[in-house]
Amino acid sequence: MDKLEKWSKVFATLTHPIRLSILFMLYQTQIQEGSRSLTFSQILEVLNLSNSSTSNNTLVYHLAKLQETSFVEKIPSQDKETGRIYPIYLLTEKGKEFLEDFELKSRMIEYLEDRKLQKETEKT
């Protein structure tokens, strides 16, 4: 089975730029920072969405679509200081496999390295 056949059923889910951004963001977090997850607020901030009910509903909708395809997982996490429980989102093995099947991992790493060099150049 070729890669396009394998993934054809999930392409419709990935047609929205917010969903693709979330996948890349979670993957970048794994590659660059060694972390595995982001909170809802962190995703909202990185996507530059305002913290309004409309933006929150939009993000909830897109995260749910990614969870339906099993590309993103939502798990509970507990703040060590306050004990508050909140959800965190992480890229699943299936999501990672999708990105790697289309060689997006190497492109993402190249992009991050270029961006890092640009920032270093701007500082000097």
Foldseek 3Di string as FASTA:
>chain_A
DALCVVCVVCVVLVPDPLLVVVLLVQLCCCPPVVDFWAFLVVSCVVVVHDPDPVSSVVSVVSQVSCVVVVQKDWDWDADPPPRDIGIIIGGDPVNVVSCVSVPVSVVSVVVVVVVVVVVVVVVD
